[in-house]
Amino acid sequence: MIKNTGIGILAMFGVLILLSINVRYTCAQTAVKQGNPVPQNFCIDAREMNLYHMINDYRQRYNLPPVPLSKSLSYVAALHAKDLFLNHPDQGACNFHSWSNKGFWVPFCYPKDENKKNSVWDKPRELTKYPSRAYEIVYWENNPLLTDTVMMVWKMEDYFNSFLLNTGKWQGKPWNAIGIAVYENYACAWFGEVSDPEGAATVCGSVPTASKDTVKQAVQTEVLSQPKDSIPVTYCIIVNSLLTKDAANKLVSTLKSKGYPDAKVLEKNGKFQVSISESQDKAAIMLKLKELKKMYRGAWLLKRDKVTR
């Protein structure tokens, strides 16, 4: 009798262990609460669709399959691009992948808050019905941007290019979903290995599948509709900002002594920046920026129109 009772107790204890394991496993799987469906009226604009086509055209050159356009990931990208522009969560220890505390999402300082149980790459699951993690690249400049500039930077930088072509860390992990957003100074792209159950995003005011020619025509119309005086620009590589006038002049003298004769002080609204090089040739200045970043990691591109001096 005692023996049987012992067996019964052991059996019950074993069941409790299994239940405990199951509960812990379930909790781990539901750590991120699945989000809601993407709003029915959500759509992307012609610039965003154009950037999507540019990415797949680039992949095609390397015999890579096109990545399906994701409604869910495009929605996440749109939310993040607007959050970056309006709320600037990328402050202090927080970089461009961070999210502010001014939305319906959980705030996140990346990489400070990143750990095994808490990942910024879970935002698609948190905000939509997308069932898995996805990964993001971000582009920023100090003026409203053009898609050709975004694509140029993403192709030139190894980190960004590895996403576009599934190289490096992403080799052997083909993308089955991509989301695109362009908002003011920011462009975001989210890449996922899992297909989106909500399907593809559509272009605002168009049929679900807009052709590349239709999209390119819309983008060209948008560019040509801008005032002519706003199109000619000079691109400057800035190596330091928010300096006093004396500090800016001293830095320019130092740069010139190091072999940068085009270094100069730029002033606007009482604030001083130091430009190390400038050009109206966007492709040439982007190549120079890539080279200069090896010595000046914080260097960035300033786009100045013909009026700004």
C-alpha atoms as a PDB file:
ATOM      1  CA  MET A   1       0.000   0.000   0.000  1.00  0.00           C
ATOM      2  CA  ILE A   2       2.794   2.356   0.928  1.00  0.00           C
ATOM      3  CA  LYS A   3       4.622   1.367  -2.244  1.00  0.00           C
ATOM      4  CA  ASN A   4       1.604   2.106  -4.390  1.00  0.00           C
ATOM      5  CA  THR A   5       1.120   5.444  -2.646  1.00  0.00           C
ATOM      6  CA  GLY A   6       4.746   6.295  -3.353  1.00  0.00           C
ATOM      7  CA  ILE A   7       4.264   5.492  -7.008  1.00  0.00           C
ATOM      8  CA  GLY A   8       1.129   7.631  -7.047  1.00  0.00           C
ATOM      9  CA  ILE A   9       2.955  10.540  -5.454  1.00  0.00           C
ATOM     10  CA  LEU A  10       5.813  10.200  -7.951  1.00  0.00           C
ATOM     11  CA  ALA A  11       3.341  10.083 -10.820  1.00  0.00           C
ATOM     12  CA  MET A  12       1.586  13.219  -9.573  1.00  0.00           C
ATOM     13  CA  PHE A  13       4.936  14.923  -9.093  1.00  0.00           C
ATOM     14  CA  GLY A  14       5.879  14.015 -12.662  1.00  0.00           C
ATOM     15  CA  VAL A  15       2.620  15.488 -13.964  1.00  0.00           C
ATOM     16  CA  LEU A  16       3.277  18.701 -12.035  1.00  0.00           C
ATOM     17  CA  ILE A  17       6.755  18.942 -13.576  1.00  0.00           C
ATOM     18  CA  LEU A  18       5.303  18.503 -17.067  1.00  0.00           C
ATOM     19  CA  LEU A  19       2.630  21.109 -16.372  1.00  0.00           C
ATOM     20  CA  SER A  20       5.264  23.503 -15.068  1.00  0.00           C
ATOM     21  CA  ILE A  21       7.424  23.003 -18.165  1.00  0.00           C
ATOM     22  CA  ASN A  22       4.402  23.512 -20.396  1.00  0.00           C
ATOM     23  CA  VAL A  23       3.395  26.724 -18.610  1.00  0.00           C
ATOM     24  CA  ARG A  24       6.911  28.141 -18.884  1.00  0.00           C
ATOM     25  CA  TYR A  25       7.081  27.221 -22.577  1.00  0.00           C
ATOM     26  CA  THR A  26       3.686  28.804 -23.247  1.00  0.00           C
ATOM     27  CA  CYS A  27       4.688  31.988 -21.426  1.00  0.00           C
ATOM     28  CA  ALA A  28       7.892  32.193 -23.454  1.00  0.00           C
ATOM     29  CA  GLN A  29       5.929  31.856 -26.664  1.00  0.00           C
ATOM     30  CA  THR A  30       3.424  34.565 -25.702  1.00  0.00           C
ATOM     31  CA  ALA A  31       5.893  37.070 -24.235  1.00  0.00           C
ATOM     32  CA  VAL A  32       4.980  39.409 -27.114  1.00  0.00           C
ATOM     33  CA  LYS A  33       1.235  39.831 -27.452  1.00  0.00           C
ATOM     34  CA  GLN A  34       0.120  39.504 -31.060  1.00  0.00           C
ATOM     35  CA  GLY A  35      -0.997  42.835 -32.516  1.00  0.00           C
ATOM     36  CA  ASN A  36      -4.101  43.848 -34.432  1.00  0.00           C
ATOM     37  CA  PRO A  37      -4.728  43.687 -38.194  1.00  0.00           C
ATOM     38  CA  VAL A  38      -3.356  46.551 -40.263  1.00  0.00           C
ATOM     39  CA  PRO A  39      -5.988  49.316 -40.739  1.00  0.00           C
ATOM     40  CA  GLN A  40      -7.993  48.717 -43.912  1.00  0.00           C
ATOM     41  CA  ASN A  41      -7.237  52.183 -45.295  1.00  0.00           C
ATOM     42  CA  PHE A  42      -3.464  51.774 -45.001  1.00  0.00           C
ATOM     43  CA  CYS A  43      -1.519  52.217 -48.252  1.00  0.00           C
ATOM     44  CA  ILE A  44       1.950  53.258 -49.394  1.00  0.00           C
ATOM     45  CA  ASP A  45       2.769  56.134 -51.729  1.00  0.00           C
ATOM     46  CA  ALA A  46       4.438  56.113 -55.142  1.00  0.00           C
ATOM     47  CA  ARG A  47       7.909  56.918 -53.751  1.00  0.00           C
ATOM     48  CA  GLU A  48       7.750  53.949 -51.409  1.00  0.00           C
ATOM     49  CA  MET A  49       6.635  51.601 -54.178  1.00  0.00           C
ATOM     50  CA  ASN A  50       9.412  52.969 -56.355  1.00  0.00           C
ATOM     51  CA  LEU A  51      11.979  52.198 -53.642  1.00  0.00           C
ATOM     52  CA  TYR A  52      10.531  48.695 -53.365  1.00  0.00           C
ATOM     53  CA  HIS A  53      10.965  48.154 -57.122  1.00  0.00           C
ATOM     54  CA  MET A  54      14.523  49.531 -56.948  1.00  0.00           C
ATOM     55  CA  ILE A  55      15.445  47.005 -54.263  1.00  0.00           C
ATOM     56  CA  ASN A  56      14.091  44.075 -56.281  1.00  0.00           C
ATOM     57  CA  ASP A  57      15.708  45.345 -59.484  1.00  0.00           C
ATOM     58  CA  TYR A  58      19.015  45.441 -57.621  1.00  0.00           C
ATOM     59  CA  ARG A  59      18.476  41.894 -56.330  1.00  0.00           C
ATOM     60  CA  GLN A  60      17.648  40.696 -59.838  1.00  0.00           C
ATOM     61  CA  ARG A  61      21.110  41.814 -61.019  1.00  0.00           C
ATOM     62  CA  TYR A  62      22.555  39.225 -58.620  1.00  0.00           C
ATOM     63  CA  ASN A  63      20.089  36.499 -59.603  1.00  0.00           C
ATOM     64  CA  LEU A  64      18.182  36.819 -56.335  1.00  0.00           C
ATOM     65  CA  PRO A  65      14.404  36.355 -56.230  1.00  0.00           C
ATOM     66  CA  PRO A  66      12.153  39.358 -55.589  1.00  0.00           C
ATOM     67  CA  VAL A  67      10.955  39.893 -52.023  1.00  0.00           C
ATOM     68  CA  PRO A  68       7.152  40.066 -51.640  1.00  0.00           C
ATOM     69  CA  LEU A  69       5.899  43.455 -50.476  1.00  0.00           C
ATOM     70  CA  SER A  70       4.371  43.134 -47.015  1.00  0.00           C
ATOM     71  CA  LYS A  71       1.391  45.154 -45.837  1.00  0.00           C
ATOM     72  CA  SER A  72       2.184  44.475 -42.181  1.00  0.00           C
ATOM     73  CA  LEU A  73       5.877  45.340 -42.397  1.00  0.00           C
ATOM     74  CA  SER A  74       5.145  48.460 -44.465  1.00  0.00           C
ATOM     75  CA  TYR A  75       2.724  49.571 -41.741  1.00  0.00           C
ATOM     76  CA  VAL A  76       5.394  49.017 -39.057  1.00  0.00           C
ATOM     77  CA  ALA A  77       7.909  50.918 -41.210  1.00  0.00           C
ATOM     78  CA  ALA A  78       5.456  53.814 -41.637  1.00  0.00           C
ATOM     79  CA  LEU A  79       4.806  54.038 -37.894  1.00  0.00           C
ATOM     80  CA  HIS A  80       8.515  54.010 -37.139  1.00  0.00           C
ATOM     81  CA  ALA A  81       9.515  56.566 -39.786  1.00  0.00           C
ATOM     82  CA  LYS A  82       6.905  59.011 -38.435  1.00  0.00           C
ATOM     83  CA  ASP A  83       7.948  58.332 -34.839  1.00  0.00           C
ATOM     84  CA  LEU A  84      11.587  59.031 -35.718  1.00  0.00           C
ATOM     85  CA  PHE A  85      10.699  62.298 -37.449  1.00  0.00           C
ATOM     86  CA  LEU A  86       8.132  63.594 -34.961  1.00  0.00           C
ATOM     87  CA  ASN A  87       9.443  62.314 -31.627  1.00  0.00           C
ATOM     88  CA  HIS A  88      13.179  61.617 -32.131  1.00  0.00           C
ATOM     89  CA  PRO A  89      13.597  58.553 -29.895  1.00  0.00           C
ATOM     90  CA  ASP A  90      17.192  58.265 -31.188  1.00  0.00           C
ATOM     91  CA  GLN A  91      18.719  60.273 -28.353  1.00  0.00           C
ATOM     92  CA  GLY A  92      21.655  59.531 -26.063  1.00  0.00           C
ATOM     93  CA  ALA A  93      22.282  55.787 -25.895  1.00  0.00           C
ATOM     94  CA  CYS A  94      19.305  55.088 -28.189  1.00  0.00           C
ATOM     95  CA  ASN A  95      19.906  54.734 -31.941  1.00  0.00           C
ATOM     96  CA  PHE A  96      17.655  54.861 -35.019  1.00  0.00           C
ATOM     97  CA  HIS A  97      16.002  51.534 -34.195  1.00  0.00           C
ATOM     98  CA  SER A  98      14.477  52.991 -31.020  1.00  0.00           C
ATOM     99  CA  TRP A  99      10.793  53.803 -30.430  1.00  0.00           C
ATOM    100  CA  SER A 100       9.467  56.723 -28.383  1.00  0.00           C
ATOM    101  CA  ASN A 101       6.945  56.694 -25.523  1.00  0.00           C
ATOM    102  CA  LYS A 102       4.498  58.793 -27.530  1.00  0.00           C
ATOM    103  CA  GLY A 103       2.596  56.051 -29.367  1.00  0.00           C
ATOM    104  CA  PHE A 104       0.409  53.016 -28.748  1.00  0.00           C
ATOM    105  CA  TRP A 105       3.493  50.779 -28.841  1.00  0.00           C
ATOM    106  CA  VAL A 106       5.878  49.760 -26.062  1.00  0.00           C
ATOM    107  CA  PRO A 107       8.792  52.258 -25.904  1.00  0.00           C
ATOM    108  CA  PHE A 108      12.179  50.797 -26.742  1.00  0.00           C
ATOM    109  CA  CYS A 109      15.735  52.161 -26.521  1.00  0.00           C
ATOM    110  CA  TYR A 110      17.923  50.138 -28.866  1.00  0.00           C
ATOM    111  CA  PRO A 111      20.393  48.619 -28.097  1.00  0.00           C
ATOM    112  CA  LYS A 112      20.088  49.494 -24.385  1.00  0.00           C
ATOM    113  CA  ASP A 113      16.811  47.537 -23.862  1.00  0.00           C
ATOM    114  CA  GLU A 114      17.731  44.578 -26.068  1.00  0.00           C
ATOM    115  CA  ASN A 115      18.036  41.204 -24.317  1.00  0.00           C
ATOM    116  CA  LYS A 116      17.000  37.565 -24.764  1.00  0.00           C
ATOM    117  CA  LYS A 117      13.378  38.179 -23.751  1.00  0.00           C
ATOM    118  CA  ASN A 118      12.949  41.713 -25.050  1.00  0.00           C
ATOM    119  CA  SER A 119      13.743  42.573 -28.657  1.00  0.00           C
ATOM    120  CA  VAL A 120      12.994  45.555 -30.852  1.00  0.00           C
ATOM    121  CA  TRP A 121      12.723  43.083 -33.736  1.00  0.00           C
ATOM    122  CA  ASP A 122       9.432  41.888 -32.205  1.00  0.00           C
ATOM    123  CA  LYS A 123       7.710  45.166 -33.160  1.00  0.00           C
ATOM    124  CA  PRO A 124       5.962  43.565 -36.183  1.00  0.00           C
ATOM    125  CA  ARG A 125       4.381  40.944 -33.889  1.00  0.00           C
ATOM    126  CA  GLU A 126       3.447  43.616 -31.356  1.00  0.00           C
ATOM    127  CA  LEU A 127       1.860  45.999 -33.859  1.00  0.00           C
ATOM    128  CA  THR A 128       0.373  43.677 -36.505  1.00  0.00           C
ATOM    129  CA  LYS A 129      -0.608  40.082 -37.227  1.00  0.00           C
ATOM    130  CA  TYR A 130       2.835  39.385 -38.681  1.00  0.00           C
ATOM    131  CA  PRO A 131       3.775  36.122 -36.914  1.00  0.00           C
ATOM    132  CA  SER A 132       7.541  36.485 -36.539  1.00  0.00           C
ATOM    133  CA  ARG A 133      10.417  38.847 -35.988  1.00  0.00           C
ATOM    134  CA  ALA A 134      11.671  41.156 -38.720  1.00  0.00           C
ATOM    135  CA  TYR A 135      14.762  43.341 -39.058  1.00  0.00           C
ATOM    136  CA  GLU A 136      15.179  46.970 -40.050  1.00  0.00           C
ATOM    137  CA  ILE A 137      17.500  49.347 -41.848  1.00  0.00           C
ATOM    138  CA  VAL A 138      17.054  53.126 -41.607  1.00  0.00           C
ATOM    139  CA  TYR A 139      18.289  56.061 -43.693  1.00  0.00           C
ATOM    140  CA  TRP A 140      18.271  59.684 -42.582  1.00  0.00           C
ATOM    141  CA  GLU A 141      19.403  63.012 -43.946  1.00  0.00           C
ATOM    142  CA  ASN A 142      18.675  66.544 -42.861  1.00  0.00           C
ATOM    143  CA  ASN A 143      16.281  67.314 -45.745  1.00  0.00           C
ATOM    144  CA  PRO A 144      13.264  65.567 -47.300  1.00  0.00           C
ATOM    145  CA  LEU A 145      14.897  62.739 -49.209  1.00  0.00           C
ATOM    146  CA  LEU A 146      14.700  61.154 -52.636  1.00  0.00           C
ATOM    147  CA  THR A 147      14.565  57.406 -53.186  1.00  0.00           C
ATOM    148  CA  ASP A 148      17.599  57.323 -55.463  1.00  0.00           C
ATOM    149  CA  THR A 149      19.707  58.783 -52.645  1.00  0.00           C
ATOM    150  CA  VAL A 150      18.377  56.198 -50.197  1.00  0.00           C
ATOM    151  CA  MET A 151      19.174  53.359 -52.565  1.00  0.00           C
ATOM    152  CA  MET A 152      22.627  54.711 -53.309  1.00  0.00           C
ATOM    153  CA  VAL A 153      23.549  54.772 -49.617  1.00  0.00           C
ATOM    154  CA  TRP A 154      22.046  51.352 -48.928  1.00  0.00           C
ATOM    155  CA  LYS A 155      24.050  49.809 -51.782  1.00  0.00           C
ATOM    156  CA  MET A 156      27.304  51.497 -50.776  1.00  0.00           C
ATOM    157  CA  GLU A 157      27.335  50.621 -47.068  1.00  0.00           C
ATOM    158  CA  ASP A 158      28.180  46.961 -46.389  1.00  0.00           C
ATOM    159  CA  TYR A 159      25.801  46.768 -43.416  1.00  0.00           C
ATOM    160  CA  PHE A 160      22.797  47.914 -45.467  1.00  0.00           C
ATOM    161  CA  ASN A 161      23.854  46.022 -48.582  1.00  0.00           C
ATOM    162  CA  SER A 162      23.926  42.731 -46.656  1.00  0.00           C
ATOM    163  CA  PHE A 163      20.161  43.085 -46.119  1.00  0.00           C
ATOM    164  CA  LEU A 164      19.485  43.886 -49.768  1.00  0.00           C
ATOM    165  CA  LEU A 165      21.478  40.926 -51.116  1.00  0.00           C
ATOM    166  CA  ASN A 166      21.265  38.385 -48.259  1.00  0.00           C
ATOM    167  CA  THR A 167      25.008  38.437 -47.650  1.00  0.00           C
ATOM    168  CA  GLY A 168      27.112  38.336 -44.491  1.00  0.00           C
ATOM    169  CA  LYS A 169      24.951  37.694 -41.442  1.00  0.00           C
ATOM    170  CA  TRP A 170      21.881  37.206 -43.641  1.00  0.00           C
ATOM    171  CA  GLN A 171      23.376  34.700 -46.074  1.00  0.00           C
ATOM    172  CA  GLY A 172      21.180  31.623 -46.336  1.00  0.00           C
ATOM    173  CA  LYS A 173      18.221  33.435 -44.753  1.00  0.00           C
ATOM    174  CA  PRO A 174      16.075  34.432 -47.723  1.00  0.00           C
ATOM    175  CA  TRP A 175      13.544  37.193 -47.232  1.00  0.00           C
ATOM    176  CA  ASN A 176       9.859  36.382 -47.729  1.00  0.00           C
ATOM    177  CA  ALA A 177       8.489  39.804 -46.774  1.00  0.00           C
ATOM    178  CA  ILE A 178       9.650  43.412 -46.941  1.00  0.00           C
ATOM    179  CA  GLY A 179       8.060  46.635 -45.725  1.00  0.00           C
ATOM    180  CA  ILE A 180       8.974  50.108 -47.000  1.00  0.00           C
ATOM    181  CA  ALA A 181       8.269  53.614 -45.669  1.00  0.00           C
ATOM    182  CA  VAL A 182       9.555  57.062 -46.601  1.00  0.00           C
ATOM    183  CA  TYR A 183       8.555  60.008 -44.415  1.00  0.00           C
ATOM    184  CA  GLU A 184      10.169  63.447 -44.543  1.00  0.00           C
ATOM    185  CA  ASN A 185      13.851  62.879 -43.598  1.00  0.00           C
ATOM    186  CA  TYR A 186      13.613  59.131 -42.958  1.00  0.00           C
ATOM    187  CA  ALA A 187      13.372  55.900 -44.909  1.00  0.00           C
ATOM    188  CA  CYS A 188      12.801  52.539 -43.210  1.00  0.00           C
ATOM    189  CA  ALA A 189      12.824  49.014 -44.614  1.00  0.00           C
ATOM    190  CA  TRP A 190      11.846  45.923 -42.605  1.00  0.00           C
ATOM    191  CA  PHE A 191      12.889  42.430 -43.751  1.00  0.00           C
ATOM    192  CA  GLY A 192      11.237  39.201 -42.599  1.00  0.00           C
ATOM    193  CA  GLU A 193      11.851  35.512 -43.245  1.00  0.00           C
ATOM    194  CA  VAL A 194       8.155  34.636 -42.862  1.00  0.00           C
ATOM    195  CA  SER A 195       5.418  35.462 -45.378  1.00  0.00           C
ATOM    196  CA  ASP A 196       2.888  38.106 -44.370  1.00  0.00           C
ATOM    197  CA  PRO A 197      -0.611  36.641 -43.756  1.00  0.00           C
ATOM    198  CA  GLU A 198      -2.081  40.054 -44.661  1.00  0.00           C
ATOM    199  CA  GLY A 199      -0.524  40.017 -48.119  1.00  0.00           C
ATOM    200  CA  ALA A 200       0.887  42.956 -50.069  1.00  0.00           C
ATOM    201  CA  ALA A 201       0.594  46.684 -49.489  1.00  0.00           C
ATOM    202  CA  THR A 202      -1.130  48.757 -52.170  1.00  0.00           C
ATOM    203  CA  VAL A 203      -0.287  52.178 -53.593  1.00  0.00           C
ATOM    204  CA  CYS A 204      -2.616  54.917 -52.393  1.00  0.00           C
ATOM    205  CA  GLY A 205      -5.307  55.689 -54.969  1.00  0.00           C
ATOM    206  CA  SER A 206      -4.340  52.828 -57.294  1.00  0.00           C
ATOM    207  CA  VAL A 207      -5.206  49.251 -58.095  1.00  0.00           C
ATOM    208  CA  PRO A 208      -3.528  46.618 -55.846  1.00  0.00           C
ATOM    209  CA  THR A 209      -0.679  45.913 -58.281  1.00  0.00           C
ATOM    210  CA  ALA A 210       0.854  49.094 -59.652  1.00  0.00           C
ATOM    211  CA  SER A 211       3.329  48.562 -62.484  1.00  0.00           C
ATOM    212  CA  LYS A 212       6.864  49.893 -62.264  1.00  0.00           C
ATOM    213  CA  ASP A 213       6.210  52.269 -65.183  1.00  0.00           C
ATOM    214  CA  THR A 214       3.147  53.703 -63.451  1.00  0.00           C
ATOM    215  CA  VAL A 215       5.038  54.221 -60.212  1.00  0.00           C
ATOM    216  CA  LYS A 216       8.080  55.780 -61.898  1.00  0.00           C
ATOM    217  CA  GLN A 217       5.824  58.169 -63.805  1.00  0.00           C
ATOM    218  CA  ALA A 218       4.173  59.235 -60.547  1.00  0.00           C
ATOM    219  CA  VAL A 219       7.558  59.822 -58.909  1.00  0.00           C
ATOM    220  CA  GLN A 220       8.840  61.821 -61.894  1.00  0.00           C
ATOM    221  CA  THR A 221       5.690  63.945 -61.853  1.00  0.00           C
ATOM    222  CA  GLU A 222       6.199  64.642 -58.151  1.00  0.00           C
ATOM    223  CA  VAL A 223       9.827  65.727 -58.707  1.00  0.00           C
ATOM    224  CA  LEU A 224       9.039  67.872 -61.753  1.00  0.00           C
ATOM    225  CA  SER A 225       6.188  69.582 -59.892  1.00  0.00           C
ATOM    226  CA  GLN A 226       8.647  71.021 -57.369  1.00  0.00           C
ATOM    227  CA  PRO A 227       9.730  74.652 -57.879  1.00  0.00           C
ATOM    228  CA  LYS A 228      12.713  74.761 -60.214  1.00  0.00           C
ATOM    229  CA  ASP A 229      14.769  76.753 -57.712  1.00  0.00           C
ATOM    230  CA  SER A 230      14.542  73.912 -55.183  1.00  0.00           C
ATOM    231  CA  ILE A 231      16.127  71.285 -57.432  1.00  0.00           C
ATOM    232  CA  PRO A 232      19.790  72.491 -57.824  1.00  0.00           C
ATOM    233  CA  VAL A 233      21.604  71.584 -54.606  1.00  0.00           C
ATOM    234  CA  THR A 234      25.101  71.360 -53.186  1.00  0.00           C
ATOM    235  CA  TYR A 235      25.991  68.406 -50.981  1.00  0.00           C
ATOM    236  CA  CYS A 236      28.357  69.091 -48.078  1.00  0.00           C
ATOM    237  CA  ILE A 237      30.065  66.532 -45.847  1.00  0.00           C
ATOM    238  CA  ILE A 238      29.734  67.773 -42.267  1.00  0.00           C
ATOM    239  CA  VAL A 239      32.292  66.525 -39.748  1.00  0.00           C
ATOM    240  CA  ASN A 240      31.199  68.622 -36.760  1.00  0.00           C
ATOM    241  CA  SER A 241      28.159  70.670 -35.755  1.00  0.00           C
ATOM    242  CA  LEU A 242      26.937  73.012 -33.024  1.00  0.00           C
ATOM    243  CA  LEU A 243      30.359  74.582 -32.590  1.00  0.00           C
ATOM    244  CA  THR A 244      31.230  78.095 -31.506  1.00  0.00           C
ATOM    245  CA  LYS A 245      32.580  80.301 -34.269  1.00  0.00           C
ATOM    246  CA  ASP A 246      36.125  80.164 -32.856  1.00  0.00           C
ATOM    247  CA  ALA A 247      36.042  76.367 -32.471  1.00  0.00           C
ATOM    248  CA  ALA A 248      34.733  75.972 -36.019  1.00  0.00           C
ATOM    249  CA  ASN A 249      37.501  78.198 -37.438  1.00  0.00           C
ATOM    250  CA  LYS A 250      40.165  76.270 -35.520  1.00  0.00           C
ATOM    251  CA  LEU A 251      38.831  72.942 -36.842  1.00  0.00           C
ATOM    252  CA  VAL A 252      38.875  74.268 -40.412  1.00  0.00           C
ATOM    253  CA  SER A 253      42.518  75.325 -39.999  1.00  0.00           C
ATOM    254  CA  THR A 254      43.376  71.861 -38.672  1.00  0.00           C
ATOM    255  CA  LEU A 255      41.608  70.125 -41.553  1.00  0.00           C
ATOM    256  CA  LYS A 256      43.349  72.280 -44.153  1.00  0.00           C
ATOM    257  CA  SER A 257      46.715  71.465 -42.599  1.00  0.00           C
ATOM    258  CA  LYS A 258      45.826  67.767 -42.937  1.00  0.00           C
ATOM    259  CA  GLY A 259      45.212  68.066 -46.674  1.00  0.00           C
ATOM    260  CA  TYR A 260      41.559  69.112 -46.934  1.00  0.00           C
ATOM    261  CA  PRO A 261      41.727  72.487 -48.744  1.00  0.00           C
ATOM    262  CA  ASP A 262      37.946  72.700 -49.233  1.00  0.00           C
ATOM    263  CA  ALA A 263      37.184  72.664 -45.503  1.00  0.00           C
ATOM    264  CA  LYS A 264      35.098  75.648 -44.409  1.00  0.00           C
ATOM    265  CA  VAL A 265      32.686  76.987 -41.818  1.00  0.00           C
ATOM    266  CA  LEU A 266      28.962  77.009 -42.551  1.00  0.00           C
ATOM    267  CA  GLU A 267      26.711  79.284 -40.510  1.00  0.00           C
ATOM    268  CA  LYS A 268      22.941  79.362 -40.204  1.00  0.00           C
ATOM    269  CA  ASN A 269      20.823  81.013 -37.529  1.00  0.00           C
ATOM    270  CA  GLY A 270      23.862  81.608 -35.335  1.00  0.00           C
ATOM    271  CA  LYS A 271      24.947  77.940 -35.412  1.00  0.00           C
ATOM    272  CA  PHE A 272      28.243  76.807 -36.905  1.00  0.00           C
ATOM    273  CA  GLN A 273      29.134  73.604 -38.742  1.00  0.00           C
ATOM    274  CA  VAL A 274      32.319  72.483 -40.440  1.00  0.00           C
ATOM    275  CA  SER A 275      32.191  71.096 -43.977  1.00  0.00           C
ATOM    276  CA  ILE A 276      35.197  69.099 -45.146  1.00  0.00           C
ATOM    277  CA  SER A 277      34.119  68.755 -48.787  1.00  0.00           C
ATOM    278  CA  GLU A 278      31.241  69.664 -51.079  1.00  0.00           C
ATOM    279  CA  SER A 279      29.956  68.898 -54.566  1.00  0.00           C
ATOM    280  CA  GLN A 280      26.847  69.107 -56.743  1.00  0.00           C
ATOM    281  CA  ASP A 281      27.577  65.577 -57.964  1.00  0.00           C
ATOM    282  CA  LYS A 282      25.616  63.369 -55.578  1.00  0.00           C
ATOM    283  CA  ALA A 283      27.284  60.109 -56.623  1.00  0.00           C
ATOM    284  CA  ALA A 284      30.780  61.566 -56.202  1.00  0.00           C
ATOM    285  CA  ILE A 285      30.083  63.091 -52.798  1.00  0.00           C
ATOM    286  CA  MET A 286      28.504  59.860 -51.530  1.00  0.00           C
ATOM    287  CA  LEU A 287      31.650  57.945 -52.451  1.00  0.00           C
ATOM    288  CA  LYS A 288      33.754  60.545 -50.673  1.00  0.00           C
ATOM    289  CA  LEU A 289      31.493  60.356 -47.602  1.00  0.00           C
ATOM    290  CA  LYS A 290      32.012  56.593 -47.436  1.00  0.00           C
ATOM    291  CA  GLU A 291      35.772  57.079 -47.492  1.00  0.00           C
ATOM    292  CA  LEU A 292      35.767  59.892 -44.920  1.00  0.00           C
ATOM    293  CA  LYS A 293      33.651  57.863 -42.504  1.00  0.00           C
ATOM    294  CA  LYS A 294      36.712  55.671 -41.916  1.00  0.00           C
ATOM    295  CA  MET A 295      38.332  58.631 -40.134  1.00  0.00           C
ATOM    296  CA  TYR A 296      35.284  60.694 -39.150  1.00  0.00           C
ATOM    297  CA  ARG A 297      32.636  58.162 -38.160  1.00  0.00           C
ATOM    298  CA  GLY A 298      30.081  60.849 -37.360  1.00  0.00           C
ATOM    299  CA  ALA A 299      30.342  62.518 -40.778  1.00  0.00           C
ATOM    300  CA  TRP A 300      27.015  63.119 -42.486  1.00  0.00           C
ATOM    301  CA  LEU A 301      25.614  64.710 -45.623  1.00  0.00           C
ATOM    302  CA  LEU A 302      24.061  68.174 -45.650  1.00  0.00           C
ATOM    303  CA  LYS A 303      21.964  69.116 -48.656  1.00  0.00           C
ATOM    304  CA  ARG A 304      21.969  72.864 -49.286  1.00  0.00           C
ATOM    305  CA  ASP A 305      19.750  74.512 -51.896  1.00  0.00           C
ATOM    306  CA  LYS A 306      20.940  77.461 -53.996  1.00  0.00           C
ATOM    307  CA  VAL A 307      19.425  79.990 -51.599  1.00  0.00           C
ATOM    308  CA  THR A 308      21.025  78.682 -48.396  1.00  0.00           C
ATOM    309  CA  ARG A 309      24.542  80.008 -47.795  1.00  0.00           C
END
